[in-house]
Structure formats: structure tokens, C-alpha cells
N, C-alpha and C. Protein backbone atom coordinates (compact mmCIF):
# COMPACT_ATOMS: atom_id res chain seq x y z
N MET A 1 85.09 -125.43 -48.36
CA MET A 1 84.93 -125.92 -46.96
C MET A 1 85.65 -127.18 -46.73
N MET A 2 85.72 -128.03 -47.74
CA MET A 2 86.34 -129.32 -47.52
C MET A 2 87.86 -129.21 -47.32
N ILE A 3 88.53 -128.33 -47.98
CA ILE A 3 89.94 -128.12 -47.86
C ILE A 3 90.31 -127.63 -46.47
N ILE A 4 89.51 -126.80 -45.89
CA ILE A 4 89.71 -126.27 -44.57
C ILE A 4 89.61 -127.38 -43.57
N ASP A 5 88.62 -128.31 -43.75
CA ASP A 5 88.48 -129.42 -42.88
C ASP A 5 89.69 -130.31 -42.90
N VAL A 6 90.25 -130.54 -44.02
CA VAL A 6 91.45 -131.37 -44.22
C VAL A 6 92.65 -130.68 -43.57
N LEU A 7 92.79 -129.42 -43.77
CA LEU A 7 93.89 -128.60 -43.17
C LEU A 7 93.79 -128.59 -41.64
N ASN A 8 92.61 -128.57 -41.11
CA ASN A 8 92.36 -128.60 -39.66
C ASN A 8 92.90 -129.88 -39.06
N ILE A 9 92.94 -130.95 -39.83
CA ILE A 9 93.41 -132.23 -39.37
C ILE A 9 94.95 -132.33 -39.66
N VAL A 10 95.38 -131.96 -40.81
CA VAL A 10 96.80 -132.14 -41.20
C VAL A 10 97.70 -131.21 -40.53
N ALA A 11 97.31 -129.97 -40.35
CA ALA A 11 98.19 -128.99 -39.83
C ALA A 11 98.67 -129.27 -38.40
N PRO A 12 97.78 -129.65 -37.53
CA PRO A 12 98.32 -130.01 -36.10
C PRO A 12 99.26 -131.16 -36.08
N VAL A 13 98.99 -132.16 -37.01
CA VAL A 13 99.80 -133.37 -37.09
C VAL A 13 101.23 -133.00 -37.65
N ALA A 14 101.23 -132.21 -38.62
CA ALA A 14 102.52 -131.72 -39.25
C ALA A 14 103.26 -130.90 -38.21
N LEU A 15 102.57 -130.01 -37.43
CA LEU A 15 103.27 -129.23 -36.46
C LEU A 15 103.81 -130.10 -35.34
N ALA A 16 103.09 -131.09 -34.91
CA ALA A 16 103.53 -132.04 -33.90
C ALA A 16 104.82 -132.79 -34.34
N ILE A 17 104.79 -133.23 -35.60
CA ILE A 17 105.98 -133.96 -36.13
C ILE A 17 107.19 -133.04 -36.14
N PHE A 18 106.97 -131.77 -36.59
CA PHE A 18 108.05 -130.83 -36.65
C PHE A 18 108.58 -130.55 -35.23
N LEU A 19 107.78 -130.33 -34.29
CA LEU A 19 108.22 -130.00 -32.86
C LEU A 19 108.93 -131.22 -32.29
N ILE A 20 108.47 -132.43 -32.59
CA ILE A 20 109.21 -133.58 -32.06
C ILE A 20 110.56 -133.70 -32.71
N GLY A 21 110.65 -133.49 -34.00
CA GLY A 21 111.96 -133.49 -34.67
C GLY A 21 112.90 -132.43 -34.11
N VAL A 22 112.45 -131.22 -33.98
CA VAL A 22 113.28 -130.13 -33.44
C VAL A 22 113.67 -130.51 -31.96
N GLY A 23 112.77 -131.09 -31.22
CA GLY A 23 113.11 -131.45 -29.82
C GLY A 23 114.16 -132.55 -29.77
N VAL A 24 114.09 -133.48 -30.68
CA VAL A 24 115.05 -134.55 -30.71
C VAL A 24 116.46 -133.97 -31.05
N ARG A 25 116.48 -133.06 -32.06
CA ARG A 25 117.73 -132.48 -32.52
C ARG A 25 118.33 -131.68 -31.37
N LEU A 26 117.51 -130.81 -30.74
CA LEU A 26 118.02 -129.98 -29.64
C LEU A 26 118.40 -130.84 -28.40
N GLY A 27 117.74 -131.98 -28.21
CA GLY A 27 118.14 -132.86 -27.12
C GLY A 27 119.46 -133.45 -27.40
N ARG A 28 119.77 -133.84 -28.64
CA ARG A 28 121.13 -134.40 -28.96
C ARG A 28 122.17 -133.36 -28.80
N PHE A 29 121.82 -132.14 -29.19
CA PHE A 29 122.77 -131.04 -29.06
C PHE A 29 123.12 -130.76 -27.58
N ALA A 30 122.02 -130.74 -26.74
CA ALA A 30 122.23 -130.49 -25.33
C ALA A 30 123.08 -131.62 -24.70
N LEU A 31 122.74 -132.83 -25.09
CA LEU A 31 123.58 -133.99 -24.59
C LEU A 31 125.01 -133.88 -24.95
N ALA A 32 125.33 -133.44 -26.18
CA ALA A 32 126.70 -133.23 -26.59
C ALA A 32 127.34 -132.15 -25.80
N LEU A 33 126.61 -131.13 -25.40
CA LEU A 33 127.20 -130.03 -24.71
C LEU A 33 127.46 -130.51 -23.23
N VAL A 34 126.52 -131.31 -22.68
CA VAL A 34 126.74 -131.73 -21.28
C VAL A 34 127.88 -132.75 -21.21
N THR A 35 127.92 -133.69 -22.14
CA THR A 35 128.98 -134.67 -22.05
C THR A 35 130.33 -134.24 -22.57
N ARG A 36 130.36 -133.10 -23.19
CA ARG A 36 131.58 -132.45 -23.71
C ARG A 36 132.32 -133.42 -24.65
N ARG A 37 131.65 -133.91 -25.66
CA ARG A 37 132.35 -134.77 -26.68
C ARG A 37 133.25 -133.90 -27.50
N ARG A 38 134.45 -134.44 -27.78
CA ARG A 38 135.40 -133.70 -28.57
C ARG A 38 135.74 -134.51 -29.80
N PHE A 39 136.26 -133.80 -30.82
CA PHE A 39 136.75 -134.42 -32.04
C PHE A 39 138.08 -135.08 -31.74
N ARG A 40 138.26 -136.31 -32.02
CA ARG A 40 139.46 -137.04 -31.64
C ARG A 40 140.44 -137.21 -32.77
N GLY A 41 140.12 -136.66 -33.98
CA GLY A 41 141.00 -136.81 -35.11
C GLY A 41 140.52 -137.87 -36.02
N VAL A 42 141.34 -138.14 -37.04
CA VAL A 42 141.01 -139.12 -38.11
C VAL A 42 141.42 -140.53 -37.67
N THR A 43 140.49 -141.48 -37.96
CA THR A 43 140.81 -142.85 -37.57
C THR A 43 141.93 -143.40 -38.45
N PRO A 44 142.63 -144.42 -37.98
CA PRO A 44 143.78 -144.96 -38.74
C PRO A 44 143.35 -145.59 -40.05
N THR A 45 142.10 -145.96 -40.26
CA THR A 45 141.69 -146.57 -41.50
C THR A 45 141.13 -145.57 -42.50
N PHE A 46 141.20 -144.32 -42.12
CA PHE A 46 140.66 -143.21 -43.06
C PHE A 46 141.46 -143.15 -44.30
N GLU A 47 140.76 -143.17 -45.47
CA GLU A 47 141.49 -143.14 -46.75
C GLU A 47 141.76 -141.71 -47.10
N ARG A 48 143.01 -141.36 -47.35
CA ARG A 48 143.39 -140.04 -47.66
C ARG A 48 142.94 -139.69 -49.14
N ALA A 49 142.88 -138.37 -49.39
CA ALA A 49 142.52 -137.91 -50.73
C ALA A 49 143.72 -138.17 -51.68
N PRO A 50 143.42 -138.44 -52.97
CA PRO A 50 144.53 -138.61 -53.85
C PRO A 50 145.27 -137.33 -54.08
N ARG A 51 146.48 -137.44 -54.52
CA ARG A 51 147.30 -136.22 -54.75
C ARG A 51 146.68 -135.42 -55.88
N ARG A 52 146.90 -134.13 -55.82
CA ARG A 52 146.37 -133.27 -56.83
C ARG A 52 147.06 -133.41 -58.14
N LEU A 53 146.31 -133.38 -59.27
CA LEU A 53 146.86 -133.48 -60.55
C LEU A 53 147.02 -132.05 -61.11
N GLY A 54 147.97 -131.88 -62.03
CA GLY A 54 148.08 -130.65 -62.69
C GLY A 54 146.92 -130.51 -63.70
N PHE A 55 146.74 -129.32 -64.20
CA PHE A 55 145.58 -129.08 -65.12
C PHE A 55 145.58 -129.98 -66.33
N PHE A 56 146.70 -130.08 -67.01
CA PHE A 56 146.76 -130.88 -68.22
C PHE A 56 146.76 -132.40 -67.93
N LYS A 57 147.34 -132.84 -66.79
CA LYS A 57 147.20 -134.22 -66.46
C LYS A 57 145.74 -134.64 -66.15
N ALA A 58 145.05 -133.71 -65.40
CA ALA A 58 143.65 -134.02 -65.10
C ALA A 58 142.83 -134.00 -66.32
N LEU A 59 143.05 -133.05 -67.27
CA LEU A 59 142.35 -133.01 -68.52
C LEU A 59 142.53 -134.26 -69.30
N HIS A 60 143.79 -134.72 -69.29
CA HIS A 60 144.17 -135.93 -70.09
C HIS A 60 143.43 -137.18 -69.42
N ALA A 61 143.45 -137.25 -68.11
CA ALA A 61 142.84 -138.37 -67.36
C ALA A 61 141.33 -138.38 -67.62
N VAL A 62 140.64 -137.22 -67.69
CA VAL A 62 139.21 -137.12 -67.87
C VAL A 62 138.88 -137.44 -69.29
N LEU A 63 139.57 -136.91 -70.30
CA LEU A 63 139.14 -137.04 -71.66
C LEU A 63 139.67 -138.30 -72.32
N LEU A 64 140.90 -138.71 -72.02
CA LEU A 64 141.48 -139.88 -72.70
C LEU A 64 141.53 -141.09 -71.83
N GLY A 65 141.38 -140.95 -70.53
CA GLY A 65 141.50 -142.07 -69.64
C GLY A 65 140.41 -143.20 -69.91
N PRO A 66 139.14 -142.82 -70.07
CA PRO A 66 138.17 -143.83 -70.37
C PRO A 66 138.41 -144.57 -71.66
N TYR A 67 139.00 -143.94 -72.63
CA TYR A 67 139.18 -144.62 -73.94
C TYR A 67 140.34 -145.69 -73.90
N ARG A 68 141.30 -145.42 -72.96
CA ARG A 68 142.42 -146.32 -72.80
C ARG A 68 142.01 -147.61 -72.12
N HIS A 69 140.93 -147.59 -71.31
CA HIS A 69 140.59 -148.80 -70.54
C HIS A 69 139.72 -149.60 -71.36
């Protein structure tokens, strides 16, 4: 009986927290739809990904690179 009493208190609180979180998320989504925010591209300070290495160069960099430093 004691576990049921605890669940009677915890379950509504957890449900309320869940519903508030979903409401906030849906509110932000609705606001984004109404204001029609668009992706404007990459900022000028965005750091690009390094160039791709070949298989053997990458293997060499991973296995022997730490020993050289």
C-alpha cells in the first residue's frame, strides 16, 4: 500500500512536468512556423571540415602520429 501512495503523488507531478515540456517544445515550433524563420547559411567564422585523407595516410596518422609527437 505504501508504494501506491507514493505513486499517487509522483505520477501526477511527472505527468505535469512532461506536459509542460511538450507544451514548451510545441510552442517554440508554432512560433517558428508563424515567424517563418529560414536557414540563412553558414556564418563566415564557421570552421570547415579538414580534407579527407586516404586510407593509408589516415592509418599512418592514427597509428604513428602520436608516437612522433
